[in-house]
Amino acid sequence: MGRIVTRLRWVAVLAVLLSCLAPALASAQQPSADTQSGEGLRPWIVVGGAWTTLLGSCTNCEGENYLHSGGFMADAGVSINKRTELGGEVLWVPETLTTGDEIRVTFLMATVQYRPWVTRGFFLKGGAGMAFLKNWLDAFENASPPVRSKAFSLVLGTGWEWNARGRFGVQVFGAHHVAALGDLEAGGQTVENVMGNFWSLGTALVFR
């Protein structure tokens, strides 16, 4: 558990540093273009769907159980300049098990998106926030009431964006969300060091 927490802390530090340095780097590389545009802060909205693979793990869990589900993703915020966007993200992933139990996972994240090249669509994204989960582990199937928990979460992602007419565009993206739930208790059971990993691939519409 100590190593997992240490890794999460380093990833969180990296995300914060990226969010702080990206605007400065972009301004230093393109001072004249951003100044002449006079656009200032502009809205940035992304809405799309994702195909997500879910994996839960813990200290005393037996084996690995991968689940696959569709999901909904949305980002909203402001474009600071031609390279950097700051905002928030929602990822919602529902899944129904063969037992009839419903898993619901919702990520609420603060994010920064950075484009290394203005003339190309490649981008990087990082962020941190909270995850809200319902009936996450098989050990809690048929629990009454349903087991609900929340966790510190991180996201790292990348993708490519194509500009269409006007301010609209389309993007494809990949992302890895991590949720650190710690120890969960329900029905006299204690499950230690619970982690959730979510790998997503998807497409979205972009307005900027």
Protein backbone atom coordinates (compact mmCIF):
# COMPACT_ATOMS: atom_id res chain seq x y z
CA MET A 1 0.00 0.00 0.00
CA GLY A 2 2.88 2.37 0.80
CA ARG A 3 4.32 1.98 -2.69
CA ILE A 4 0.91 2.58 -4.29
CA VAL A 5 0.35 5.75 -2.26
CA THR A 6 3.86 6.98 -3.11
CA ARG A 7 3.24 6.46 -6.82
CA LEU A 8 -0.09 8.27 -6.65
CA ARG A 9 1.55 11.18 -4.89
CA TRP A 10 4.25 11.44 -7.57
CA VAL A 11 1.64 11.35 -10.34
CA ALA A 12 -0.38 14.04 -8.55
CA VAL A 13 2.74 16.22 -8.23
CA LEU A 14 3.46 15.72 -11.95
CA ALA A 15 -0.09 16.75 -12.88
CA VAL A 16 0.13 19.90 -10.74
CA LEU A 17 3.51 20.84 -12.21
CA LEU A 18 2.20 20.32 -15.73
CA SER A 19 -0.81 22.54 -15.03
CA CYS A 20 1.48 25.27 -13.68
CA LEU A 21 4.18 25.08 -16.34
CA ALA A 22 2.15 24.49 -19.48
CA PRO A 23 0.70 28.03 -19.77
CA ALA A 24 4.10 29.57 -19.15
CA LEU A 25 5.80 27.37 -21.74
CA ALA A 26 3.13 28.05 -24.31
CA SER A 27 3.35 31.81 -23.77
CA ALA A 28 7.13 31.74 -24.06
CA GLN A 29 7.04 29.83 -27.34
CA GLN A 30 4.23 31.81 -29.02
CA PRO A 31 4.14 35.31 -27.50
CA SER A 32 3.29 37.22 -30.66
CA ALA A 33 0.58 34.88 -31.95
CA ASP A 34 -1.37 34.84 -28.67
CA THR A 35 -0.99 38.58 -28.19
CA GLN A 36 -2.11 39.48 -31.70
CA SER A 37 -5.12 37.17 -31.59
CA GLY A 38 -6.66 39.15 -28.72
CA GLU A 39 -9.01 36.27 -28.01
CA GLY A 40 -8.33 35.94 -24.28
CA LEU A 41 -10.15 33.18 -22.41
CA ARG A 42 -12.50 31.13 -24.57
CA PRO A 43 -14.92 28.33 -23.66
CA TRP A 44 -13.75 24.76 -24.20
CA ILE A 45 -16.33 21.95 -24.27
CA VAL A 46 -15.87 18.25 -25.12
CA VAL A 47 -18.70 15.70 -25.12
CA GLY A 48 -18.42 12.07 -26.17
CA GLY A 49 -18.57 8.38 -25.41
CA ALA A 50 -15.98 5.83 -24.35
CA TRP A 51 -15.41 2.09 -24.23
CA THR A 52 -13.97 1.36 -20.79
CA THR A 53 -12.25 -1.67 -19.28
CA LEU A 54 -12.55 -1.87 -15.47
CA LEU A 55 -10.29 -3.76 -13.07
CA GLY A 56 -10.64 -3.87 -9.30
CA SER A 57 -7.84 -5.13 -7.06
CA CYS A 58 -7.20 -5.49 -3.32
CA THR A 59 -4.87 -7.22 -0.88
CA ASN A 60 -7.10 -10.24 -0.17
CA CYS A 61 -8.90 -10.50 -3.52
CA GLU A 62 -8.59 -13.72 -5.48
CA GLY A 63 -7.64 -13.42 -9.14
CA GLU A 64 -8.41 -10.52 -11.48
CA ASN A 65 -11.84 -9.70 -12.83
CA TYR A 66 -11.94 -7.44 -15.88
CA LEU A 67 -15.24 -5.84 -16.88
CA HIS A 68 -16.06 -3.95 -20.08
CA SER A 69 -18.61 -1.20 -20.38
CA GLY A 70 -19.63 1.85 -22.35
CA GLY A 71 -19.41 5.26 -20.70
CA PHE A 72 -20.05 8.98 -21.04
CA MET A 73 -17.31 11.62 -20.90
CA ALA A 74 -17.54 15.42 -20.81
CA ASP A 75 -14.97 18.19 -20.34
CA ALA A 76 -15.65 21.89 -19.90
CA GLY A 77 -13.44 24.85 -19.13
CA VAL A 78 -11.52 27.64 -20.81
CA SER A 79 -8.75 27.83 -23.40
CA ILE A 80 -5.95 29.96 -21.96
CA ASN A 81 -4.15 30.10 -25.30
CA LYS A 82 -3.72 27.99 -28.43
CA ARG A 83 -1.98 25.22 -26.50
CA THR A 84 -3.54 25.00 -23.05
CA GLU A 85 -7.02 24.34 -21.65
CA LEU A 86 -8.01 24.26 -17.99
CA GLY A 87 -11.28 22.78 -16.84
CA GLY A 88 -13.16 19.90 -15.30
CA GLU A 89 -14.04 16.40 -16.45
CA VAL A 90 -16.87 13.94 -15.79
CA LEU A 91 -16.55 10.25 -16.67
CA TRP A 92 -19.59 8.07 -15.95
CA VAL A 93 -19.29 4.28 -16.31
CA PRO A 94 -22.28 2.00 -15.62
CA GLU A 95 -22.21 -1.82 -15.70
CA THR A 96 -24.64 -4.59 -14.79
CA LEU A 97 -23.19 -7.86 -13.48
CA THR A 98 -24.53 -11.32 -14.29
CA THR A 99 -25.97 -11.38 -10.76
CA GLY A 100 -28.10 -8.36 -11.58
CA ASP A 101 -26.09 -6.02 -9.36
CA GLU A 102 -25.39 -2.62 -10.85
CA ILE A 103 -21.97 -0.97 -10.72
CA ARG A 104 -21.89 2.80 -11.09
CA VAL A 105 -18.66 4.81 -11.21
CA THR A 106 -18.49 8.59 -11.60
CA PHE A 107 -15.23 10.55 -11.82
CA LEU A 108 -15.22 14.30 -11.13
CA MET A 109 -11.80 15.69 -12.05
CA ALA A 110 -9.96 18.99 -12.41
CA THR A 111 -7.87 18.75 -15.59
CA VAL A 112 -5.31 20.51 -17.76
CA GLN A 113 -4.95 19.71 -21.45
CA TYR A 114 -1.81 20.70 -23.36
CA ARG A 115 -1.05 20.67 -27.09
CA PRO A 116 2.74 20.61 -27.76
CA TRP A 117 2.23 21.73 -31.40
CA VAL A 118 -0.29 24.40 -32.38
CA THR A 119 -0.54 23.17 -35.97
CA ARG A 120 -1.14 19.53 -35.01
CA GLY A 121 -3.94 17.85 -33.13
CA PHE A 122 -1.93 15.79 -30.62
CA PHE A 123 -2.67 16.59 -26.96
CA LEU A 124 -1.83 15.41 -23.45
CA LYS A 125 -4.17 15.57 -20.46
CA GLY A 126 -3.72 15.13 -16.73
CA GLY A 127 -5.82 15.76 -13.66
CA ALA A 128 -6.94 14.83 -10.17
CA GLY A 129 -10.20 14.69 -8.28
CA MET A 130 -12.69 12.28 -6.75
CA ALA A 131 -14.37 9.05 -7.82
CA PHE A 132 -17.78 7.94 -6.52
CA LEU A 133 -18.44 4.18 -6.74
CA LYS A 134 -21.39 1.87 -6.08
CA ASN A 135 -21.02 -1.92 -5.54
CA TRP A 136 -17.44 -1.84 -6.78
CA LEU A 137 -16.19 -5.28 -5.60
CA ASP A 138 -17.65 -8.77 -6.17
CA ALA A 139 -17.23 -9.35 -2.42
CA PHE A 140 -20.11 -6.94 -1.89
CA GLU A 141 -22.55 -8.41 -4.40
CA ASN A 142 -26.14 -8.47 -3.17
CA ALA A 143 -25.18 -6.19 -0.28
CA SER A 144 -28.10 -4.35 1.27
CA PRO A 145 -27.99 -1.42 1.19
CA PRO A 146 -25.62 -1.11 -1.84
CA VAL A 147 -22.01 -0.33 -0.90
CA ARG A 148 -21.16 3.23 -1.84
CA SER A 149 -17.67 4.66 -1.55
CA LYS A 150 -15.54 7.55 -2.73
CA ALA A 151 -11.85 7.73 -3.55
CA PHE A 152 -9.01 10.03 -4.50
CA SER A 153 -8.48 9.70 -8.25
CA LEU A 154 -6.03 10.61 -11.01
CA VAL A 155 -6.24 10.66 -14.78
CA LEU A 156 -3.61 10.64 -17.51
CA GLY A 157 -4.65 10.72 -21.16
CA THR A 158 -3.75 11.56 -24.72
CA GLY A 159 -5.44 11.86 -28.08
CA TRP A 160 -5.77 13.65 -31.40
CA GLU A 161 -8.13 16.41 -32.46
CA TRP A 162 -9.31 17.42 -35.93
CA ASN A 163 -10.72 20.89 -36.52
CA ALA A 164 -13.92 21.12 -38.52
CA ARG A 165 -15.73 24.24 -39.69
CA GLY A 166 -15.78 27.21 -37.35
CA ARG A 167 -15.14 26.37 -33.70
CA PHE A 168 -16.17 22.72 -33.92
CA GLY A 169 -13.96 19.65 -34.10
CA VAL A 170 -13.71 15.94 -33.42
CA GLN A 171 -11.23 14.05 -31.25
CA VAL A 172 -10.23 10.50 -30.43
CA PHE A 173 -8.77 9.88 -26.99
CA GLY A 174 -7.36 7.33 -24.61
CA ALA A 175 -7.25 7.72 -20.83
CA HIS A 176 -6.31 5.85 -17.67
CA HIS A 177 -8.27 6.73 -14.54
CA VAL A 178 -7.12 5.41 -11.15
CA ALA A 179 -9.20 5.38 -7.96
CA ALA A 180 -7.60 4.64 -4.56
CA LEU A 181 -10.40 3.54 -2.23
CA GLY A 182 -8.37 2.24 0.73
CA ASP A 183 -10.16 -0.26 3.03
CA LEU A 184 -13.87 -0.98 2.53
CA GLU A 185 -16.24 -2.51 5.08
CA ALA A 186 -19.75 -3.90 4.59
CA GLY A 187 -21.75 -6.77 6.04
CA GLY A 188 -19.01 -7.68 8.50
CA GLN A 189 -16.41 -7.93 5.74
CA THR A 190 -13.26 -5.83 5.42
CA VAL A 191 -11.50 -5.59 2.07
CA GLU A 192 -8.06 -3.97 2.29
CA ASN A 193 -6.20 -1.66 -0.09
CA VAL A 194 -8.87 -1.45 -2.77
CA MET A 195 -7.82 0.05 -6.11
CA GLY A 196 -9.78 0.68 -9.29
CA ASN A 197 -8.23 1.00 -12.75
CA PHE A 198 -10.21 2.24 -15.74
CA TRP A 199 -8.81 2.26 -19.29
CA SER A 200 -10.91 4.15 -21.83
CA LEU A 201 -10.90 4.65 -25.58
CA GLY A 202 -13.43 6.98 -27.16
CA THR A 203 -14.48 9.74 -29.53
CA ALA A 204 -15.94 13.17 -28.79
CA LEU A 205 -17.21 16.39 -30.30
CA VAL A 206 -15.23 19.53 -29.45
CA PHE A 207 -16.28 23.17 -29.23
CA ARG A 208 -13.69 25.84 -28.57
